[in-house]
Protein backbone atom coordinates (compact mmCIF):
# COMPACT_ATOMS: atom_id res chain seq x y z
CA MET A 1 16.26 -63.61 258.71
CA SER A 2 13.36 -63.99 256.14
CA THR A 3 11.03 -67.14 255.54
CA CYS A 4 9.53 -68.04 252.45
CA GLY A 5 7.20 -71.02 252.84
CA ALA A 6 9.07 -73.38 254.83
CA THR A 7 12.57 -72.29 253.74
CA ARG A 8 14.41 -69.90 256.18
CA VAL A 9 17.29 -67.47 254.67
CA VAL A 10 19.67 -66.25 257.17
CA THR A 11 21.63 -63.37 256.61
CA ALA A 12 24.59 -61.60 257.84
CA ASP A 13 25.88 -64.34 260.04
CA THR A 14 29.27 -65.71 259.14
CA GLY A 15 28.87 -68.59 261.67
CA GLN A 16 26.00 -69.94 259.82
CA THR A 17 26.60 -68.87 255.99
CA PRO A 18 29.50 -68.66 253.36
CA ASP A 19 32.08 -65.98 253.64
CA GLU A 20 31.75 -63.97 250.87
CA SER A 21 34.48 -61.54 251.80
CA THR A 22 32.88 -58.27 251.34
CA THR A 23 28.97 -57.94 251.38
CA SER A 24 28.54 -54.37 251.19
CA ARG A 25 25.91 -51.96 249.58
CA SER A 26 23.40 -54.09 247.77
CA HIS A 27 25.86 -56.07 245.87
CA SER A 28 25.44 -59.57 247.86
CA ILE A 29 22.42 -60.83 245.31
CA ILE A 30 24.24 -59.22 242.41
CA GLU A 31 27.73 -60.75 243.21
CA SER A 32 26.39 -64.29 244.90
CA GLY A 33 23.02 -64.62 243.37
CA GLY A 34 24.19 -66.92 240.90
CA ALA A 35 26.16 -68.94 243.67
CA LEU A 36 22.87 -69.40 245.62
CA ARG A 37 20.95 -70.35 242.56
CA ALA A 38 23.45 -73.23 241.70
CA ALA A 39 23.61 -73.97 245.28
CA ALA A 40 20.04 -74.39 245.35
CA ALA A 41 19.93 -76.45 242.24
CA GLU A 42 22.38 -78.67 243.52
CA ALA A 43 20.50 -79.05 246.92
CA ARG A 44 17.41 -79.77 244.85
CA ALA A 45 18.96 -82.38 242.64
CA PHE A 46 20.77 -84.16 245.84
CA LEU A 47 17.21 -84.24 247.76
CA LEU A 48 15.16 -85.29 244.52
CA ALA A 49 17.76 -88.19 244.26
CA LYS A 50 17.74 -89.20 247.74
CA ALA A 51 13.64 -89.17 247.90
CA ALA A 52 13.67 -91.16 244.56
CA GLU A 53 15.59 -93.64 246.56
CA ARG A 54 13.42 -93.88 249.60
CA LEU A 55 10.14 -93.57 247.46
CA ARG A 56 11.47 -96.40 244.87
CA VAL A 57 10.64 -94.03 242.14
CA PRO A 58 12.33 -92.46 239.29
CA ILE A 59 13.10 -88.71 239.75
CA ASP A 60 11.35 -87.62 236.93
CA GLY A 61 8.23 -89.09 238.82
CA LEU A 62 8.53 -86.78 241.50
CA THR A 63 6.85 -83.23 242.17
CA VAL A 64 7.63 -80.82 245.05
CA ASN A 65 5.37 -78.81 246.66
CA ASP A 66 6.78 -76.40 249.61
CA GLY A 67 9.53 -78.84 250.71
CA THR A 68 7.48 -81.63 250.11
CA ILE A 69 8.31 -84.39 247.75
CA SER A 70 5.59 -86.73 246.31
CA ALA A 71 5.57 -89.70 244.03
CA GLY A 72 2.86 -88.86 241.47
CA THR A 73 -0.66 -87.98 242.53
CA GLY A 74 -1.86 -89.61 245.58
CA GLY A 75 1.66 -91.20 246.00
CA GLU A 76 4.05 -91.43 248.75
CA ALA A 77 5.56 -88.25 250.15
CA ILE A 78 8.60 -87.11 252.06
CA SER A 79 9.83 -83.61 253.18
CA TYR A 80 13.23 -82.31 252.44
CA TRP A 81 13.73 -81.97 256.16
CA SER A 82 12.93 -85.74 256.81
CA ILE A 83 15.60 -86.30 254.30
CA ILE A 84 18.20 -84.34 256.02
CA GLY A 85 17.28 -85.08 259.40
CA ASP A 86 19.30 -83.63 262.20
CA SER A 87 22.47 -83.53 260.12
CA ASN A 88 24.41 -80.61 258.83
CA PHE A 89 23.49 -80.43 254.83
CA ASN A 90 27.13 -80.98 253.75
CA GLN A 91 26.70 -81.77 250.18
CA ALA A 92 29.15 -80.10 247.79
CA VAL A 93 28.38 -77.85 244.98
CA SER A 94 29.72 -79.31 241.62
CA GLY A 95 28.00 -76.31 239.28
CA LYS A 96 26.46 -79.05 237.13
CA ALA A 97 22.94 -79.29 238.26
CA LYS A 98 20.41 -77.72 236.06
CA VAL A 99 18.89 -74.45 237.64
CA LYS A 100 15.03 -73.73 237.88
CA ASP A 101 13.53 -72.17 234.72
CA PRO A 102 12.56 -68.68 235.83
CA ALA A 103 8.97 -69.37 234.65
CA ALA A 104 8.44 -71.80 237.15
CA TYR A 105 9.54 -69.32 240.05
CA LYS A 106 7.05 -68.96 242.91
CA TYR A 107 8.49 -66.13 244.86
CA VAL A 108 11.09 -64.20 242.43
CA GLY A 109 9.21 -61.15 241.14
CA LYS A 110 6.39 -61.36 243.55
CA SER A 111 5.81 -58.98 246.54
CA ILE A 112 6.30 -60.97 249.65
CA ALA A 113 5.85 -59.94 253.46
CA ARG A 114 9.44 -58.53 254.68
CA VAL A 115 9.90 -60.05 258.07
CA ASP A 116 13.21 -57.87 258.56
CA ILE A 117 11.23 -54.61 258.66
CA PRO A 118 10.33 -54.83 262.38
CA GLY A 119 13.67 -55.77 263.40
CA LYS A 120 15.57 -52.86 261.29
CA VAL A 121 12.67 -50.56 262.82
CA THR A 122 13.16 -51.29 266.32
CA GLY A 123 17.02 -51.35 265.91
CA ALA A 124 17.40 -55.13 266.40
CA PRO A 125 21.06 -56.26 265.01
CA ALA A 126 21.09 -56.96 261.46
CA PHE A 127 24.74 -56.85 260.52
CA VAL A 128 27.75 -58.24 262.01
CA GLN A 129 28.81 -54.64 263.12
CA ASP A 130 25.59 -54.46 264.89
CA LEU A 131 26.25 -57.30 267.30
CA ARG A 132 27.22 -56.28 271.16
CA LEU A 133 28.05 -59.66 272.94
CA PRO A 134 28.65 -59.78 276.62
CA GLY A 135 32.07 -59.05 277.26
CA MET A 136 32.98 -57.91 273.94
CA LEU A 137 36.09 -55.81 273.37
CA HIS A 138 36.66 -53.70 270.48
CA GLY A 139 40.09 -52.79 268.84
CA ARG A 140 41.55 -50.54 266.39
CA ILE A 141 44.41 -50.60 263.83
CA VAL A 142 46.55 -47.34 264.48
CA ARG A 143 48.27 -46.09 261.33
CA PRO A 144 50.21 -42.87 260.50
CA LEU A 145 48.13 -40.42 258.77
CA ILE A 146 50.13 -40.97 255.55
CA ASP A 147 50.33 -44.58 254.34
CA ARG A 148 53.63 -44.72 252.74
CA ALA A 149 56.37 -47.32 253.33
CA ASP A 150 58.86 -44.45 254.50
CA VAL A 151 56.43 -42.95 256.82
CA LYS A 152 56.42 -44.52 260.34
CA LEU A 153 54.29 -44.02 263.45
CA ALA A 154 56.56 -42.05 266.10
CA SER A 155 54.39 -42.95 269.05
CA VAL A 156 50.95 -43.78 270.26
CA ASP A 157 49.38 -42.97 273.91
CA THR A 158 47.69 -46.26 274.94
CA LYS A 159 46.94 -45.35 278.53
CA ARG A 160 43.47 -44.73 278.10
CA ALA A 161 42.88 -47.85 276.05
CA ALA A 162 45.14 -49.98 278.64
CA ALA A 163 42.85 -48.54 281.53
CA MET A 164 39.40 -50.20 279.60
CA PRO A 165 38.09 -53.15 281.34
CA GLY A 166 39.16 -56.43 279.51
CA SER A 167 42.47 -54.89 278.14
C-alpha cells in the first residue's frame, strides 16, 4: 500500500482490487496503467458531478485540491470522501471521461517517499504468495514429467500429504 496525499493505493490484494489475471514482473502498470487512468478520470467526473449538485454550481466552476472540491475562491467545499461516505464506490467505467492532461500531474514523474520499502526490507507480506494465514493449507497439482495427452501418471504416493494436519 502506498499513499499520495489523502489517496491510498492498495496493491497485491485481489480481495480489494480488480482481478488483472497475471500481474508479474513490472508489467502491472504497463498493461493496466491505462485502465487505472481511465477509472480515475471516470471517478473524478462522477465525484465532480455529485459535488456540483450538492454545492449548486456548474462543474466548470469547481476546483480540486488534495481531494477537496471547492466552488470558486472562498466558496463552499466538499471532500471526495464526504460524497462517497461509508458506501463502496461502485461507479461503472464507461471510458468516456476525459483523462487528466499530463501537464497537470502532481505526482507522476516526481520523486516521492516509498512507503512500501520498510515492509520489503523487513520481509512483510507484499504479494499474495507471501501471505500465511492461520490454518492455511497448500496444494499442488501433480502431473507427469511429460505433458502430453498420451502420457498418463502411473501412481502417486499420497501418504505423507495425507498425514499432514488439515488434510
